[in-house]
């Protein structure tokens, strides 16, 4: 992932960031499930219907 910022000093190496991708079709089908996260904690998983198609 590429992160663009006007002030790089705001971000530390290894810091956790959550992102909402704009286009994930080619990537998401590589994995059997997508994890859901709420308030910084994994809350569940969704099966990827496009897997192996």
N, C-alpha and C. Protein backbone atom coordinates (compact mmCIF):
# COMPACT_ATOMS: atom_id res chain seq x y z
N UNK A 1 0.84 -1.17 0.00
CA UNK A 1 0.00 0.00 0.00
C UNK A 1 0.89 1.24 0.00
N UNK A 2 0.50 2.20 -0.76
CA UNK A 2 1.21 3.47 -0.79
C UNK A 2 0.44 4.47 0.06
N UNK A 3 1.15 5.14 0.94
CA UNK A 3 0.54 6.14 1.81
C UNK A 3 1.11 7.50 1.45
N UNK A 4 0.25 8.44 1.13
CA UNK A 4 0.69 9.79 0.78
C UNK A 4 0.22 10.74 1.87
N UNK A 5 1.12 11.56 2.35
CA UNK A 5 0.80 12.51 3.42
C UNK A 5 1.56 13.81 3.20
N UNK A 6 1.01 14.88 3.73
CA UNK A 6 1.70 16.16 3.66
C UNK A 6 2.73 16.31 4.78
N UNK A 7 2.63 15.48 5.81
CA UNK A 7 3.55 15.55 6.94
C UNK A 7 3.97 14.14 7.36
N UNK A 8 5.06 13.65 6.81
CA UNK A 8 5.52 12.29 7.08
C UNK A 8 5.89 12.07 8.54
N UNK A 9 6.15 13.13 9.28
CA UNK A 9 6.51 12.98 10.69
C UNK A 9 5.33 12.51 11.54
N UNK A 10 4.11 12.58 10.99
CA UNK A 10 2.91 12.12 11.70
C UNK A 10 2.82 10.60 11.74
N UNK A 11 3.53 9.92 10.87
CA UNK A 11 3.42 8.46 10.74
C UNK A 11 4.74 7.80 11.12
N UNK A 12 4.67 6.80 11.99
CA UNK A 12 5.87 6.06 12.41
C UNK A 12 5.93 4.71 11.70
N UNK A 13 7.12 4.24 11.42
CA UNK A 13 7.31 2.92 10.81
C UNK A 13 6.70 1.87 11.73
N UNK A 14 5.90 0.97 11.15
CA UNK A 14 5.28 -0.11 11.92
C UNK A 14 3.96 0.26 12.57
N UNK A 15 3.56 1.50 12.46
CA UNK A 15 2.29 1.95 13.03
C UNK A 15 1.12 1.30 12.29
N UNK A 16 0.12 0.85 13.01
CA UNK A 16 -1.05 0.19 12.40
C UNK A 16 -1.95 1.25 11.78
N UNK A 17 -2.34 1.01 10.55
CA UNK A 17 -3.27 1.89 9.83
C UNK A 17 -4.37 1.03 9.22
N UNK A 18 -5.57 1.51 9.26
CA UNK A 18 -6.69 0.84 8.60
C UNK A 18 -7.01 1.61 7.33
N UNK A 19 -7.27 0.88 6.25
CA UNK A 19 -7.55 1.53 4.98
C UNK A 19 -8.76 0.89 4.32
N UNK A 20 -9.47 1.67 3.58
CA UNK A 20 -10.60 1.17 2.79
C UNK A 20 -10.18 1.29 1.33
N UNK A 21 -9.87 0.15 0.70
CA UNK A 21 -9.40 0.19 -0.68
C UNK A 21 -10.53 0.56 -1.64
N UNK A 22 -10.16 1.19 -2.73
CA UNK A 22 -11.13 1.60 -3.74
C UNK A 22 -11.47 0.45 -4.70
N UNK A 23 -10.51 -0.45 -4.93
CA UNK A 23 -10.72 -1.55 -5.89
C UNK A 23 -9.94 -2.76 -5.40
N UNK A 24 -10.63 -3.85 -5.09
CA UNK A 24 -9.95 -5.00 -4.50
C UNK A 24 -10.15 -6.31 -5.26
N UNK A 25 -10.87 -6.27 -6.37
CA UNK A 25 -11.21 -7.51 -7.09
C UNK A 25 -10.04 -8.47 -7.28
N UNK A 26 -8.90 -8.04 -7.84
CA UNK A 26 -7.82 -8.98 -8.11
C UNK A 26 -7.18 -9.54 -6.83
N UNK A 27 -7.26 -8.81 -5.75
CA UNK A 27 -6.59 -9.22 -4.52
C UNK A 27 -7.47 -10.09 -3.64
N UNK A 28 -8.71 -9.72 -3.45
CA UNK A 28 -9.57 -10.40 -2.48
C UNK A 28 -9.81 -11.86 -2.84
N UNK A 29 -9.85 -12.20 -4.10
CA UNK A 29 -10.11 -13.58 -4.51
C UNK A 29 -8.95 -14.52 -4.20
N UNK A 30 -7.82 -13.99 -3.79
CA UNK A 30 -6.66 -14.82 -3.44
C UNK A 30 -6.81 -15.45 -2.06
N UNK A 31 -7.78 -14.99 -1.28
CA UNK A 31 -7.91 -15.43 0.11
C UNK A 31 -9.29 -16.04 0.35
N UNK A 32 -9.38 -17.04 1.22
CA UNK A 32 -10.67 -17.70 1.46
C UNK A 32 -11.65 -16.86 2.26
N UNK A 33 -11.14 -15.87 3.02
CA UNK A 33 -12.04 -15.05 3.82
C UNK A 33 -11.46 -13.65 4.01
N UNK A 34 -12.35 -12.72 4.31
CA UNK A 34 -11.96 -11.35 4.65
C UNK A 34 -12.37 -11.13 6.10
N UNK A 35 -11.46 -10.57 6.88
CA UNK A 35 -11.75 -10.33 8.29
C UNK A 35 -12.46 -9.00 8.46
N UNK A 36 -13.41 -8.95 9.38
CA UNK A 36 -14.09 -7.70 9.70
C UNK A 36 -13.47 -7.13 10.98
N UNK A 37 -13.33 -5.82 11.03
CA UNK A 37 -12.70 -5.15 12.18
C UNK A 37 -13.62 -4.03 12.65
N UNK A 38 -13.87 -4.00 13.95
CA UNK A 38 -14.65 -2.92 14.55
C UNK A 38 -13.91 -2.43 15.79
N UNK A 39 -13.73 -1.13 15.87
CA UNK A 39 -13.06 -0.51 17.01
C UNK A 39 -11.69 -1.14 17.29
N UNK A 40 -10.96 -1.49 16.20
CA UNK A 40 -9.62 -2.01 16.33
C UNK A 40 -9.52 -3.49 16.67
N UNK A 41 -10.65 -4.20 16.70
CA UNK A 41 -10.63 -5.63 17.02
C UNK A 41 -11.30 -6.44 15.93
N UNK A 42 -10.73 -7.61 15.63
CA UNK A 42 -11.33 -8.50 14.64
C UNK A 42 -12.63 -9.04 15.22
N UNK A 43 -13.73 -8.84 14.48
CA UNK A 43 -15.05 -9.22 14.98
C UNK A 43 -15.67 -10.39 14.23
N UNK A 44 -15.08 -10.77 13.13
CA UNK A 44 -15.66 -11.88 12.36
C UNK A 44 -14.93 -12.06 11.05
N UNK A 45 -15.53 -12.87 10.20
CA UNK A 45 -14.95 -13.14 8.88
C UNK A 45 -16.06 -13.36 7.87
N UNK A 46 -15.83 -12.89 6.66
CA UNK A 46 -16.75 -13.11 5.56
C UNK A 46 -16.09 -14.06 4.57
N UNK A 47 -16.80 -15.08 4.15
CA UNK A 47 -16.31 -16.00 3.13
C UNK A 47 -16.26 -15.26 1.80
N UNK A 48 -15.18 -15.43 1.04
CA UNK A 48 -15.04 -14.77 -0.26
C UNK A 48 -15.67 -15.67 -1.32
N UNK A 49 -16.83 -15.26 -1.82
CA UNK A 49 -17.58 -16.05 -2.80
C UNK A 49 -16.82 -16.19 -4.13
N UNK A 50 -15.97 -15.22 -4.47
CA UNK A 50 -15.24 -15.26 -5.74
C UNK A 50 -14.03 -16.19 -5.72
N UNK A 51 -13.71 -16.74 -4.56
CA UNK A 51 -12.54 -17.61 -4.43
C UNK A 51 -12.65 -18.81 -5.36
N UNK A 52 -11.58 -19.12 -6.07
CA UNK A 52 -11.48 -20.29 -6.95
C UNK A 52 -12.44 -20.24 -8.15
N UNK A 53 -12.88 -19.08 -8.54
CA UNK A 53 -13.76 -18.96 -9.73
C UNK A 53 -13.02 -18.29 -10.85
